[in-house]
Structure formats: structure tokens, C-alpha cells
Amino acid sequence: MEINRLKRSDFKKYMDTGVDYATYRQQVAAELVLNEDPVVQGYIEMNQIRMYRIEKTYMVSAELVEKVKRLPHKVYWLVLTESWCGDASQILPVLNKVAVISEGKIEMKLVYRDKNPELMDAFLTNQTRSIPKLIQLDTNFQLTGIWGPRPNEAQQLVKKLKSDPKTANDYSKALHLWYAKDQQRSLELDISKLLVRTNIYCTDCLS
């Protein structure tokens, strides 16, 4: 499905059926127990550790707090994710904290990529189902921005590592070291740019 074939009623449906961050965390914990694949279990377990660490240590910068407080109207964030996704474990706790400090101006709902192929296929990254993918909507569920699956610097790092046979199979280690050193600064800059677009209709911004 292409972006221009999605209607505002479609976006509203996905927001209505999506889950909030607290529910998502519960579902991730349940998936760790229920999933029978030891490799996937390992991914989920590590992602829980990452999310917990960020939840405890990350604080939204004063600059971003100010931008969020100045939002002129309600904003919806619809985010495609999966429990095994390492990038999602780095990104979602930050998005949630930004939504929390907005005091209702930003409402975030999470939907699963593999259960929503039509939505995912409308927001591909270089023809791949890369996640997390943030779809920003205004009060009328009109598309105003797209972001993901990771900050641009991290995206370029992954592209470089994957292109080298020596690092292609183990790129995630360098990627998560990058996240640790960056301390969410790049993500905050991207969020700030995304929020600027809350009054702009855009089909491919920041994708």
C-alpha cells in the first residue's frame, strides 16, 4: 500500500488499536517467556535491559521540553515496532518520555510491524521494512511527518558497516556503542525537526 492510498480513517483505526508504551512493555515481557526461539529470546532480553536503562537515566533536554510545551495542538505518534528490534529498544523509551512531558499534547501508540503489513509497506525505508518507524499525525489524523528507523548518523554507520564483509555480520555491536556515546542527542534533534512539521502536510519528510 502506498502512503497516498491511506486515509485519515485508516490512521485513526491504527491509533485506536495500538497500545501505549506501558502495555507494550508488558507485552515484551510476556513475549520473552512465550517465544520458543532462543535467539529471539536473547534479543528480547537484551532489549528489556536497554529499555530499562534508558527509562532510568534519560531526561528530556530543556530545549526539547520547551518545544514540546509550545506545540499549538495535539499530535499523534503512531510507531511501528517489534519486541526483538534493537533500535526500537533505544528509541521507544525516549519517545515515551517526550510524550509524557507533553502532558497530553503528544499521544503515542505502538503497533506491531508483522501484524500490520499494509501499514508497514506504506512506510518502507529503501524498500525494506525497517523499524522503528514513527508516523506523525495532526489532530485530524493528517500525515505531517515520518521518521525512522534510526538517527541519520546511525543510519549511515549501519550502511557503512553492512557494506563491509568484515563487519556486516556483527554491525549491531558498533551500532549500540554509537547509541551509548550519543546519549540520545541525535534523536532529540530529529524529534525537534519532526515537531516543526506539525503544521505541514508531508508524505516523505525525514524518511
C-alpha atoms as a PDB file:
ATOM      1  CA  MET A   1       0.000   0.000   0.000  1.00  0.00           C
ATOM      2  CA  GLU A   2       1.256   3.497  -0.866  1.00  0.00           C
ATOM      3  CA  ILE A   3       1.103   6.433   1.532  1.00  0.00           C
ATOM      4  CA  ASN A   4      -1.332   8.368  -0.627  1.00  0.00           C
ATOM      5  CA  ARG A   5      -3.766   5.454  -0.510  1.00  0.00           C
ATOM      6  CA  LEU A   6      -4.045   5.627   3.273  1.00  0.00           C
ATOM      7  CA  LYS A   7      -6.982   7.662   4.547  1.00  0.00           C
ATOM      8  CA  ARG A   8      -7.288   9.600   7.764  1.00  0.00           C
ATOM      9  CA  SER A   9      -9.785   6.981   8.910  1.00  0.00           C
ATOM     10  CA  ASP A  10      -7.083   4.332   8.401  1.00  0.00           C
ATOM     11  CA  PHE A  11      -4.646   6.207  10.618  1.00  0.00           C
ATOM     12  CA  LYS A  12      -7.339   6.675  13.269  1.00  0.00           C
ATOM     13  CA  LYS A  13      -8.042   2.944  13.205  1.00  0.00           C
ATOM     14  CA  TYR A  14      -4.387   2.153  13.789  1.00  0.00           C
ATOM     15  CA  MET A  15      -4.221   4.666  16.647  1.00  0.00           C
ATOM     16  CA  ASP A  16      -7.332   3.144  18.213  1.00  0.00           C
ATOM     17  CA  THR A  17      -5.982  -0.416  18.003  1.00  0.00           C
ATOM     18  CA  GLY A  18      -2.410   0.434  19.005  1.00  0.00           C
ATOM     19  CA  VAL A  19      -1.081   0.068  22.543  1.00  0.00           C
ATOM     20  CA  ASP A  20       0.526   2.580  24.850  1.00  0.00           C
ATOM     21  CA  TYR A  21       4.121   2.230  25.986  1.00  0.00           C
ATOM     22  CA  ALA A  22       3.295   0.684  29.369  1.00  0.00           C
ATOM     23  CA  THR A  23       1.208  -2.017  27.698  1.00  0.00           C
ATOM     24  CA  TYR A  24       3.944  -2.604  25.140  1.00  0.00           C
ATOM     25  CA  ARG A  25       6.476  -3.179  27.926  1.00  0.00           C
ATOM     26  CA  GLN A  26       4.158  -5.776  29.452  1.00  0.00           C
ATOM     27  CA  GLN A  27       3.738  -7.475  26.093  1.00  0.00           C
ATOM     28  CA  VAL A  28       7.502  -7.548  25.530  1.00  0.00           C
ATOM     29  CA  ALA A  29       7.969  -9.233  28.923  1.00  0.00           C
ATOM     30  CA  ALA A  30       5.315 -11.794  28.020  1.00  0.00           C
ATOM     31  CA  GLU A  31       6.917 -12.433  24.627  1.00  0.00           C
ATOM     32  CA  LEU A  32      10.221 -13.203  26.333  1.00  0.00           C
ATOM     33  CA  VAL A  33       8.522 -16.050  28.196  1.00  0.00           C
ATOM     34  CA  LEU A  34       6.357 -17.321  25.354  1.00  0.00           C
ATOM     35  CA  ASN A  35       8.784 -17.172  22.438  1.00  0.00           C
ATOM     36  CA  GLU A  36      10.400 -20.563  21.862  1.00  0.00           C
ATOM     37  CA  ASP A  37      13.264 -19.332  19.688  1.00  0.00           C
ATOM     38  CA  PRO A  38      16.376 -18.936  21.910  1.00  0.00           C
ATOM     39  CA  VAL A  39      17.937 -16.430  19.505  1.00  0.00           C
ATOM     40  CA  VAL A  40      14.856 -14.196  19.582  1.00  0.00           C
ATOM     41  CA  GLN A  41      14.648 -14.636  23.348  1.00  0.00           C
ATOM     42  CA  GLY A  42      18.204 -13.323  23.597  1.00  0.00           C
ATOM     43  CA  TYR A  43      17.308 -10.244  21.544  1.00  0.00           C
ATOM     44  CA  ILE A  44      14.235  -9.529  23.659  1.00  0.00           C
ATOM     45  CA  GLU A  45      16.099  -9.983  26.929  1.00  0.00           C
ATOM     46  CA  MET A  46      18.822  -7.558  25.858  1.00  0.00           C
ATOM     47  CA  ASN A  47      16.209  -5.074  24.650  1.00  0.00           C
ATOM     48  CA  GLN A  48      14.487  -5.142  28.022  1.00  0.00           C
ATOM     49  CA  ILE A  49      17.792  -4.272  29.686  1.00  0.00           C
ATOM     50  CA  ARG A  50      18.336  -1.389  27.256  1.00  0.00           C
ATOM     51  CA  MET A  51      14.832  -0.005  27.716  1.00  0.00           C
ATOM     52  CA  TYR A  52      15.077  -0.211  31.495  1.00  0.00           C
ATOM     53  CA  ARG A  53      18.430   1.601  31.487  1.00  0.00           C
ATOM     54  CA  ILE A  54      17.156   4.429  29.290  1.00  0.00           C
ATOM     55  CA  GLU A  55      13.949   4.743  31.300  1.00  0.00           C
ATOM     56  CA  LYS A  56      16.038   5.251  34.428  1.00  0.00           C
ATOM     57  CA  THR A  57      18.769   7.522  33.069  1.00  0.00           C
ATOM     58  CA  TYR A  58      17.392   9.626  30.210  1.00  0.00           C
ATOM     59  CA  MET A  59      15.975  13.076  30.875  1.00  0.00           C
ATOM     60  CA  VAL A  60      14.450  15.213  28.136  1.00  0.00           C
ATOM     61  CA  SER A  61      16.610  18.278  27.491  1.00  0.00           C
ATOM     62  CA  ALA A  62      15.328  21.700  28.469  1.00  0.00           C
ATOM     63  CA  GLU A  63      15.390  22.780  24.825  1.00  0.00           C
ATOM     64  CA  LEU A  64      13.157  19.922  23.709  1.00  0.00           C
ATOM     65  CA  VAL A  65      10.845  20.373  26.698  1.00  0.00           C
ATOM     66  CA  GLU A  66      10.299  23.983  25.634  1.00  0.00           C
ATOM     67  CA  LYS A  67       9.492  22.980  22.048  1.00  0.00           C
ATOM     68  CA  VAL A  68       7.029  20.371  23.217  1.00  0.00           C
ATOM     69  CA  LYS A  69       5.322  22.813  25.559  1.00  0.00           C
ATOM     70  CA  ARG A  70       4.861  25.245  22.650  1.00  0.00           C
ATOM     71  CA  LEU A  71       3.032  22.736  20.450  1.00  0.00           C
ATOM     72  CA  PRO A  72      -0.090  24.533  19.186  1.00  0.00           C
ATOM     73  CA  HIS A  73      -2.319  21.453  19.073  1.00  0.00           C
ATOM     74  CA  LYS A  74      -2.467  17.734  19.768  1.00  0.00           C
ATOM     75  CA  VAL A  75      -0.062  15.485  17.887  1.00  0.00           C
ATOM     76  CA  TYR A  76      -0.363  11.745  17.330  1.00  0.00           C
ATOM     77  CA  TRP A  77       2.646   9.467  17.072  1.00  0.00           C
ATOM     78  CA  LEU A  78       1.951   6.070  15.516  1.00  0.00           C
ATOM     79  CA  VAL A  79       5.039   3.861  15.795  1.00  0.00           C
ATOM     80  CA  LEU A  80       5.725   0.535  14.079  1.00  0.00           C
ATOM     81  CA  THR A  81       7.885  -1.759  16.195  1.00  0.00           C
ATOM     82  CA  GLU A  82       8.670  -5.330  17.304  1.00  0.00           C
ATOM     83  CA  SER A  83       9.916  -6.710  20.618  1.00  0.00           C
ATOM     84  CA  TRP A  84      13.103  -8.145  19.064  1.00  0.00           C
ATOM     85  CA  CYS A  85      14.164  -4.862  17.420  1.00  0.00           C
ATOM     86  CA  GLY A  86      17.356  -3.443  18.929  1.00  0.00           C
ATOM     87  CA  ASP A  87      16.849   0.043  17.502  1.00  0.00           C
ATOM     88  CA  ALA A  88      13.337   0.157  18.963  1.00  0.00           C
ATOM     89  CA  SER A  89      14.740  -0.559  22.415  1.00  0.00           C
ATOM     90  CA  GLN A  90      16.944   2.536  22.088  1.00  0.00           C
ATOM     91  CA  ILE A  91      14.267   4.771  20.577  1.00  0.00           C
ATOM     92  CA  LEU A  92      10.924   3.970  22.222  1.00  0.00           C
ATOM     93  CA  PRO A  93      11.812   4.919  25.829  1.00  0.00           C
ATOM     94  CA  VAL A  94      12.906   8.347  24.581  1.00  0.00           C
ATOM     95  CA  LEU A  95       9.756   8.884  22.520  1.00  0.00           C
ATOM     96  CA  ASN A  96       7.674   7.840  25.505  1.00  0.00           C
ATOM     97  CA  LYS A  97       9.372  10.318  27.840  1.00  0.00           C
ATOM     98  CA  VAL A  98       8.815  13.113  25.324  1.00  0.00           C
ATOM     99  CA  ALA A  99       5.148  12.155  25.086  1.00  0.00           C
ATOM    100  CA  VAL A 100       4.840  12.078  28.882  1.00  0.00           C
ATOM    101  CA  ILE A 101       6.301  15.553  29.386  1.00  0.00           C
ATOM    102  CA  SER A 102       3.917  16.892  26.712  1.00  0.00           C
ATOM    103  CA  GLU A 103       1.062  16.406  29.206  1.00  0.00           C
ATOM    104  CA  GLY A 104      -1.314  15.097  26.575  1.00  0.00           C
ATOM    105  CA  LYS A 105      -0.204  17.177  23.603  1.00  0.00           C
ATOM    106  CA  ILE A 106       1.528  14.128  22.133  1.00  0.00           C
ATOM    107  CA  GLU A 107      -0.289  10.797  22.165  1.00  0.00           C
ATOM    108  CA  MET A 108       1.837   7.795  21.203  1.00  0.00           C
ATOM    109  CA  LYS A 109       0.532   4.379  20.192  1.00  0.00           C
ATOM    110  CA  LEU A 110       2.599   1.386  19.151  1.00  0.00           C
ATOM    111  CA  VAL A 111       1.637  -1.204  16.541  1.00  0.00           C
ATOM    112  CA  TYR A 112       3.467  -4.349  15.535  1.00  0.00           C
ATOM    113  CA  ARG A 113       5.127  -4.468  12.147  1.00  0.00           C
ATOM    114  CA  ASP A 114       4.410  -8.106  11.387  1.00  0.00           C
ATOM    115  CA  LYS A 115       0.729  -7.809  12.290  1.00  0.00           C
ATOM    116  CA  ASN A 116       0.260  -4.694  10.152  1.00  0.00           C
ATOM    117  CA  PRO A 117       1.963  -5.349   6.791  1.00  0.00           C
ATOM    118  CA  GLU A 118      -0.277  -2.904   4.906  1.00  0.00           C
ATOM    119  CA  LEU A 119       0.771  -0.023   7.141  1.00  0.00           C
ATOM    120  CA  MET A 120       4.418  -1.073   7.156  1.00  0.00           C
ATOM    121  CA  ASP A 121       4.570  -1.370   3.382  1.00  0.00           C
ATOM    122  CA  ALA A 122       3.371   2.220   3.053  1.00  0.00           C
ATOM    123  CA  PHE A 123       6.403   3.415   5.025  1.00  0.00           C
ATOM    124  CA  LEU A 124       9.347   1.410   3.757  1.00  0.00           C
ATOM    125  CA  THR A 125      12.957   2.565   4.089  1.00  0.00           C
ATOM    126  CA  ASN A 126      14.897   1.860   0.897  1.00  0.00           C
ATOM    127  CA  GLN A 127      12.310  -0.819   0.088  1.00  0.00           C
ATOM    128  CA  THR A 128      12.837  -2.575   3.435  1.00  0.00           C
ATOM    129  CA  ARG A 129      10.526  -2.997   6.423  1.00  0.00           C
ATOM    130  CA  SER A 130      12.919  -1.216   8.772  1.00  0.00           C
ATOM    131  CA  ILE A 131      11.707  -0.315  12.257  1.00  0.00           C
ATOM    132  CA  PRO A 132      11.001   1.562  14.391  1.00  0.00           C
ATOM    133  CA  LYS A 133       9.050   3.848  12.087  1.00  0.00           C
ATOM    134  CA  LEU A 134       7.327   6.894  13.531  1.00  0.00           C
ATOM    135  CA  ILE A 135       4.308   8.289  11.667  1.00  0.00           C
ATOM    136  CA  GLN A 136       3.315  11.755  12.878  1.00  0.00           C
ATOM    137  CA  LEU A 137      -0.307  12.903  12.530  1.00  0.00           C
ATOM    138  CA  ASP A 138      -2.146  16.103  13.360  1.00  0.00           C
ATOM    139  CA  THR A 139      -5.439  16.423  15.238  1.00  0.00           C
ATOM    140  CA  ASN A 140      -7.343  15.381  12.102  1.00  0.00           C
ATOM    141  CA  PHE A 141      -5.100  12.337  11.533  1.00  0.00           C
ATOM    142  CA  GLN A 142      -3.440  14.049   8.603  1.00  0.00           C
ATOM    143  CA  LEU A 143       0.139  12.958   7.959  1.00  0.00           C
ATOM    144  CA  THR A 144       2.680  15.617   8.982  1.00  0.00           C
ATOM    145  CA  GLY A 145       5.926  13.697   9.279  1.00  0.00           C
ATOM    146  CA  ILE A 146       7.767  10.388   9.063  1.00  0.00           C
ATOM    147  CA  TRP A 147      10.868   9.321  10.957  1.00  0.00           C
ATOM    148  CA  GLY A 148      12.934   6.183  11.307  1.00  0.00           C
ATOM    149  CA  PRO A 149      14.338   3.699  11.705  1.00  0.00           C
ATOM    150  CA  ARG A 150      17.239   5.477  13.451  1.00  0.00           C
ATOM    151  CA  PRO A 151      19.038   8.859  13.561  1.00  0.00           C
ATOM    152  CA  ASN A 152      20.791   9.730  10.299  1.00  0.00           C
ATOM    153  CA  GLU A 153      24.330   9.344  11.687  1.00  0.00           C
ATOM    154  CA  ALA A 154      23.455   5.873  12.973  1.00  0.00           C
ATOM    155  CA  GLN A 155      21.822   5.030   9.651  1.00  0.00           C
ATOM    156  CA  GLN A 156      24.986   5.978   7.779  1.00  0.00           C
ATOM    157  CA  LEU A 157      27.076   3.944  10.210  1.00  0.00           C
ATOM    158  CA  VAL A 158      24.930   0.858   9.629  1.00  0.00           C
ATOM    159  CA  LYS A 159      25.105   1.342   5.871  1.00  0.00           C
ATOM    160  CA  LYS A 160      28.905   1.523   6.036  1.00  0.00           C
ATOM    161  CA  LEU A 161      29.246  -1.500   8.328  1.00  0.00           C
ATOM    162  CA  LYS A 162      26.877  -3.643   6.272  1.00  0.00           C
ATOM    163  CA  SER A 163      28.782  -2.854   3.076  1.00  0.00           C
ATOM    164  CA  ASP A 164      31.992  -4.316   4.524  1.00  0.00           C
ATOM    165  CA  PRO A 165      32.072  -8.141   4.711  1.00  0.00           C
ATOM    166  CA  LYS A 166      34.337  -7.879   7.752  1.00  0.00           C
ATOM    167  CA  THR A 167      31.718  -6.018   9.811  1.00  0.00           C
ATOM    168  CA  ALA A 168      28.427  -6.907   8.108  1.00  0.00           C
ATOM    169  CA  ASN A 169      27.554  -9.803  10.412  1.00  0.00           C
ATOM    170  CA  ASP A 170      28.425  -8.014  13.648  1.00  0.00           C
ATOM    171  CA  TYR A 171      27.354  -4.443  12.931  1.00  0.00           C
ATOM    172  CA  SER A 172      24.891  -4.259  15.834  1.00  0.00           C
ATOM    173  CA  LYS A 173      27.702  -4.129  18.408  1.00  0.00           C
ATOM    174  CA  ALA A 174      29.140  -0.946  16.881  1.00  0.00           C
ATOM    175  CA  LEU A 175      25.651   0.470  16.448  1.00  0.00           C
ATOM    176  CA  HIS A 176      24.732   0.121  20.111  1.00  0.00           C
ATOM    177  CA  LEU A 177      28.087   1.557  21.139  1.00  0.00           C
ATOM    178  CA  TRP A 178      27.149   4.557  18.999  1.00  0.00           C
ATOM    179  CA  TYR A 179      23.835   4.879  20.828  1.00  0.00           C
ATOM    180  CA  ALA A 180      25.623   4.761  24.181  1.00  0.00           C
ATOM    181  CA  LYS A 181      28.085   7.504  23.194  1.00  0.00           C
ATOM    182  CA  ASP A 182      25.449   9.686  21.526  1.00  0.00           C
ATOM    183  CA  GLN A 183      23.244   9.686  24.651  1.00  0.00           C
ATOM    184  CA  GLN A 184      20.087  10.477  22.643  1.00  0.00           C
ATOM    185  CA  ARG A 185      21.383  13.841  21.358  1.00  0.00           C
ATOM    186  CA  SER A 186      20.869  12.955  17.686  1.00  0.00           C
ATOM    187  CA  LEU A 187      17.417  11.563  18.365  1.00  0.00           C
ATOM    188  CA  GLU A 188      16.394  14.725  20.206  1.00  0.00           C
ATOM    189  CA  LEU A 189      17.491  16.841  17.234  1.00  0.00           C
ATOM    190  CA  ASP A 190      15.430  14.669  14.910  1.00  0.00           C
ATOM    191  CA  ILE A 191      12.401  14.906  17.192  1.00  0.00           C
ATOM    192  CA  SER A 192      12.740  18.697  17.228  1.00  0.00           C
ATOM    193  CA  LYS A 193      12.784  18.766  13.413  1.00  0.00           C
ATOM    194  CA  LEU A 194       9.806  16.439  13.290  1.00  0.00           C
ATOM    195  CA  LEU A 195       7.748  18.612  15.619  1.00  0.00           C
ATOM    196  CA  VAL A 196       8.393  21.647  13.411  1.00  0.00           C
ATOM    197  CA  ARG A 197       6.388  19.825  10.767  1.00  0.00           C
ATOM    198  CA  THR A 198       3.246  19.518  12.877  1.00  0.00           C
ATOM    199  CA  ASN A 199       1.507  22.068  10.635  1.00  0.00           C
ATOM    200  CA  ILE A 200       2.888  20.797   7.342  1.00  0.00           C
ATOM    201  CA  TYR A 201       1.413  18.078   5.154  1.00  0.00           C
ATOM    202  CA  CYS A 202       4.327  15.914   4.089  1.00  0.00           C
ATOM    203  CA  THR A 203       4.483  12.460   2.523  1.00  0.00           C
ATOM    204  CA  ASP A 204       8.170  11.721   2.865  1.00  0.00           C
ATOM    205  CA  CYS A 205       9.807  14.126   5.306  1.00  0.00           C
ATOM    206  CA  LEU A 206      12.666  12.714   7.370  1.00  0.00           C
ATOM    207  CA  SER A 207      12.146   9.223   5.980  1.00  0.00           C
END
